[in-house]
C-alpha atoms as a PDB file:
ATOM      1  CA  MET A   1      11.259  87.386   3.725  1.00  0.00           C
ATOM      2  CA  ARG A   2      10.547  88.157   0.093  1.00  0.00           C
ATOM      3  CA  TYR A   3      11.300  85.781  -2.769  1.00  0.00           C
ATOM      4  CA  LEU A   4      11.673  86.998  -6.299  1.00  0.00           C
ATOM      5  CA  THR A   5      10.979  84.631  -9.127  1.00  0.00           C
ATOM      6  CA  SER A   6      11.271  85.300 -12.795  1.00  0.00           C
ATOM      7  CA  VAL A   7       8.967  83.726 -15.314  1.00  0.00           C
ATOM      8  CA  SER A   8      10.204  83.231 -18.837  1.00  0.00           C
ATOM      9  CA  LEU A   9       7.877  82.820 -21.776  1.00  0.00           C
ATOM     10  CA  ALA A  10      10.615  81.114 -23.825  1.00  0.00           C
ATOM     11  CA  ARG A  11      10.428  77.339 -23.842  1.00  0.00           C
ATOM     12  CA  LYS A  12      13.356  75.607 -22.177  1.00  0.00           C
ATOM     13  CA  CYS A  13      15.117  72.352 -22.962  1.00  0.00           C
ATOM     14  CA  SER A  14      13.335  69.273 -21.545  1.00  0.00           C
ATOM     15  CA  LYS A  15      16.576  67.671 -20.365  1.00  0.00           C
ATOM     16  CA  PRO A  16      16.957  67.759 -16.571  1.00  0.00           C
ATOM     17  CA  MET A  17      19.191  70.558 -15.272  1.00  0.00           C
ATOM     18  CA  CYS A  18      19.423  72.231 -18.702  1.00  0.00           C
ATOM     19  CA  THR A  19      18.354  75.877 -18.684  1.00  0.00           C
ATOM     20  CA  ARG A  20      19.018  76.696 -22.336  1.00  0.00           C
ATOM     21  CA  SER A  21      16.249  77.750 -24.733  1.00  0.00           C
ATOM     22  CA  ALA A  22      14.690  75.044 -26.863  1.00  0.00           C
ATOM     23  CA  VAL A  23      15.306  75.067 -30.624  1.00  0.00           C
ATOM     24  CA  ALA A  24      13.992  71.628 -31.634  1.00  0.00           C
ATOM     25  CA  THR A  25      11.151  69.248 -30.791  1.00  0.00           C
ATOM     26  CA  LEU A  26      11.566  65.501 -30.376  1.00  0.00           C
ATOM     27  CA  THR A  27       8.676  63.087 -30.948  1.00  0.00           C
ATOM     28  CA  TYR A  28       8.522  59.301 -31.012  1.00  0.00           C
ATOM     29  CA  ALA A  29       6.664  56.780 -33.151  1.00  0.00           C
ATOM     30  CA  TYR A  30       6.942  53.739 -30.900  1.00  0.00           C
ATOM     31  CA  ALA A  31       5.298  51.382 -33.410  1.00  0.00           C
ATOM     32  CA  ASP A  32       7.944  52.273 -36.016  1.00  0.00           C
ATOM     33  CA  CYS A  33      10.862  52.473 -33.540  1.00  0.00           C
ATOM     34  CA  THR A  34      11.561  55.957 -34.885  1.00  0.00           C
ATOM     35  CA  ALA A  35      12.423  59.256 -33.207  1.00  0.00           C
ATOM     36  CA  TYR A  36      11.678  62.457 -35.124  1.00  0.00           C
ATOM     37  CA  LEU A  37      13.718  65.563 -34.403  1.00  0.00           C
ATOM     38  CA  GLY A  38      12.531  68.711 -36.100  1.00  0.00           C
ATOM     39  CA  PRO A  39      12.043  72.455 -35.688  1.00  0.00           C
ATOM     40  CA  LEU A  40      10.508  73.718 -32.468  1.00  0.00           C
ATOM     41  CA  ALA A  41       6.798  72.919 -32.438  1.00  0.00           C
ATOM     42  CA  THR A  42       4.351  75.823 -32.520  1.00  0.00           C
ATOM     43  CA  TYR A  43       3.093  75.046 -29.023  1.00  0.00           C
ATOM     44  CA  ALA A  44       4.185  72.811 -26.166  1.00  0.00           C
ATOM     45  CA  GLU A  45       2.630  69.341 -26.092  1.00  0.00           C
ATOM     46  CA  PRO A  46       2.855  67.013 -23.086  1.00  0.00           C
ATOM     47  CA  HIS A  47       4.214  64.085 -25.146  1.00  0.00           C
ATOM     48  CA  TYR A  48       6.799  66.109 -27.084  1.00  0.00           C
ATOM     49  CA  PHE A  49      10.259  66.974 -25.830  1.00  0.00           C
ATOM     50  CA  ASP A  50      11.798  70.365 -26.535  1.00  0.00           C
ATOM     51  CA  LEU A  51      15.587  70.292 -26.841  1.00  0.00           C
ATOM     52  CA  CYS A  52      18.298  72.957 -26.940  1.00  0.00           C
ATOM     53  CA  GLN A  53      20.859  73.084 -29.761  1.00  0.00           C
ATOM     54  CA  GLU A  54      23.457  71.004 -27.891  1.00  0.00           C
ATOM     55  CA  HIS A  55      21.066  68.240 -26.821  1.00  0.00           C
ATOM     56  CA  SER A  56      19.459  68.063 -30.265  1.00  0.00           C
ATOM     57  CA  GLU A  57      22.902  67.526 -31.850  1.00  0.00           C
ATOM     58  CA  THR A  58      23.987  64.846 -29.356  1.00  0.00           C
ATOM     59  CA  LEU A  59      20.687  62.932 -29.299  1.00  0.00           C
ATOM     60  CA  THR A  60      21.006  59.149 -29.164  1.00  0.00           C
ATOM     61  CA  VAL A  61      18.229  56.558 -29.374  1.00  0.00           C
ATOM     62  CA  PRO A  62      17.984  52.913 -28.275  1.00  0.00           C
ATOM     63  CA  ARG A  63      19.671  50.255 -30.399  1.00  0.00           C
ATOM     64  CA  GLY A  64      17.478  49.298 -33.337  1.00  0.00           C
ATOM     65  CA  TRP A  65      15.740  52.678 -33.452  1.00  0.00           C
ATOM     66  CA  GLU A  66      16.082  55.189 -36.265  1.00  0.00           C
ATOM     67  CA  VAL A  67      16.368  58.978 -35.955  1.00  0.00           C
ATOM     68  CA  VAL A  68      14.773  61.152 -38.606  1.00  0.00           C
ATOM     69  CA  ARG A  69      16.291  64.639 -38.414  1.00  0.00           C
ATOM     70  CA  LEU A  70      14.335  67.377 -40.111  1.00  0.00           C
ATOM     71  CA  LYS A  71      16.406  70.420 -41.026  1.00  0.00           C
ATOM     72  CA  LEU A  72      16.459  73.074 -38.304  1.00  0.00           C
ATOM     73  CA  ASP A  73      16.243  76.610 -39.680  1.00  0.00           C
ATOM     74  CA  PRO A  74      17.407  79.179 -37.079  1.00  0.00           C
ATOM     75  CA  GLU A  75      15.831  81.990 -39.134  1.00  0.00           C
ATOM     76  CA  ALA A  76      12.404  80.359 -38.763  1.00  0.00           C
ATOM     77  CA  LEU A  77      12.583  80.851 -34.988  1.00  0.00           C
ATOM     78  CA  LYS A  78      12.792  84.630 -35.326  1.00  0.00           C
ATOM     79  CA  PRO A  79       9.637  86.740 -35.665  1.00  0.00           C
ATOM     80  CA  SER A  80       8.900  87.564 -39.289  1.00  0.00           C
ATOM     81  CA  SER A  81       7.220  90.579 -40.855  1.00  0.00           C
ATOM     82  CA  ASP A  82       4.189  88.322 -41.463  1.00  0.00           C
ATOM     83  CA  ASP A  83       3.856  87.831 -37.699  1.00  0.00           C
ATOM     84  CA  LEU A  84       3.937  91.584 -37.109  1.00  0.00           C
ATOM     85  CA  GLU A  85       1.396  92.253 -39.860  1.00  0.00           C
ATOM     86  CA  ALA A  86      -0.952  89.571 -38.508  1.00  0.00           C
ATOM     87  CA  LEU A  87      -0.721  91.097 -35.034  1.00  0.00           C
ATOM     88  CA  ALA A  88      -1.433  94.608 -36.390  1.00  0.00           C
ATOM     89  CA  ASP A  89      -4.427  93.299 -38.364  1.00  0.00           C
ATOM     90  CA  ALA A  90      -5.819  91.574 -35.254  1.00  0.00           C
ATOM     91  CA  VAL A  91      -5.482  94.785 -33.210  1.00  0.00           C
ATOM     92  CA  ARG A  92      -7.191  96.822 -35.947  1.00  0.00           C
ATOM     93  CA  GLU A  93     -10.021  94.296 -36.191  1.00  0.00           C
ATOM     94  CA  ALA A  94     -10.562  94.302 -32.424  1.00  0.00           C
ATOM     95  CA  GLY A  95     -10.746  98.110 -32.423  1.00  0.00           C
ATOM     96  CA  ARG A  96     -13.401  98.376 -35.152  1.00  0.00           C
ATOM     97  CA  PRO A  97     -16.930  99.081 -33.966  1.00  0.00           C
ATOM     98  CA  ARG A  98     -19.253  96.161 -34.431  1.00  0.00           C
ATOM     99  CA  GLU A  99     -22.320  96.488 -36.621  1.00  0.00           C
ATOM    100  CA  SER A 100     -24.621  95.861 -33.676  1.00  0.00           C
ATOM    101  CA  ASP A 101     -23.266  97.278 -30.408  1.00  0.00           C
ATOM    102  CA  GLU A 102     -26.771  97.508 -28.930  1.00  0.00           C
ATOM    103  CA  PRO A 103     -27.692  94.763 -26.465  1.00  0.00           C
ATOM    104  CA  GLU A 104     -29.943  92.108 -27.909  1.00  0.00           C
ATOM    105  CA  GLN A 105     -33.562  92.450 -26.797  1.00  0.00           C
ATOM    106  CA  PRO A 106     -34.870  89.202 -25.331  1.00  0.00           C
ATOM    107  CA  GLY A 107     -37.816  87.653 -27.132  1.00  0.00           C
ATOM    108  CA  PRO A 108     -41.001  86.370 -25.551  1.00  0.00           C
ATOM    109  CA  PRO A 109     -40.758  83.413 -23.160  1.00  0.00           C
ATOM    110  CA  PRO A 110     -41.176  79.942 -24.676  1.00  0.00           C
ATOM    111  CA  VAL A 111     -44.730  78.686 -25.229  1.00  0.00           C
ATOM    112  CA  GLY A 112     -46.150  77.036 -22.113  1.00  0.00           C
ATOM    113  CA  THR A 113     -44.114  79.131 -19.632  1.00  0.00           C
ATOM    114  CA  LEU A 114     -44.868  82.223 -17.581  1.00  0.00           C
ATOM    115  CA  GLU A 115     -42.364  84.965 -16.797  1.00  0.00           C
ATOM    116  CA  VAL A 116     -42.226  85.245 -13.009  1.00  0.00           C
ATOM    117  CA  ASN A 117     -39.395  87.696 -12.428  1.00  0.00           C
ATOM    118  CA  ARG A 118     -36.861  89.666 -14.444  1.00  0.00           C
ATOM    119  CA  ARG A 119     -33.495  91.273 -13.655  1.00  0.00           C
ATOM    120  CA  GLY A 120     -31.747  92.933 -16.561  1.00  0.00           C
ATOM    121  CA  HIS A 121     -31.352  90.320 -19.250  1.00  0.00           C
ATOM    122  CA  LEU A 122     -32.155  87.376 -16.913  1.00  0.00           C
ATOM    123  CA  ARG A 123     -35.660  85.939 -16.573  1.00  0.00           C
ATOM    124  CA  VAL A 124     -37.187  83.441 -14.166  1.00  0.00           C
ATOM    125  CA  LEU A 125     -39.664  81.193 -15.969  1.00  0.00           C
ATOM    126  CA  ARG A 126     -42.227  78.806 -14.537  1.00  0.00           C
ATOM    127  CA  ASP A 127     -44.173  76.090 -16.367  1.00  0.00           C
ATOM    128  CA  ALA A 128     -47.761  77.238 -17.026  1.00  0.00           C
ATOM    129  CA  GLU A 129     -48.986  73.788 -15.969  1.00  0.00           C
ATOM    130  CA  ALA A 130     -47.217  73.860 -12.577  1.00  0.00           C
END
């Protein structure tokens, strides 16, 4: 029997049973009794909670806690021309020949050692006193 699974690179809501895409990140400052809800974090952190639009709007906190809501900008979630330009620059840089493509020649063995064997760039050294 064959099972097909799909893997999504989009981050999902942290709420159980919710399969919607995350749009906001929730963090806590326990010492201040404050929950911070802001734009989706750049990368997933184990102590952050990613929430979908619905769960970020209906968020409640324990009595006595405060919620600080940072403005969510839906346009910020979309790729920008800066992202595309940065990717193109990285590809161009990776494709440029390096100044020194020749393998580095190993220098002499350290003082007080004898070269016993050599394979390619690896050397077996022995103490001269041994």
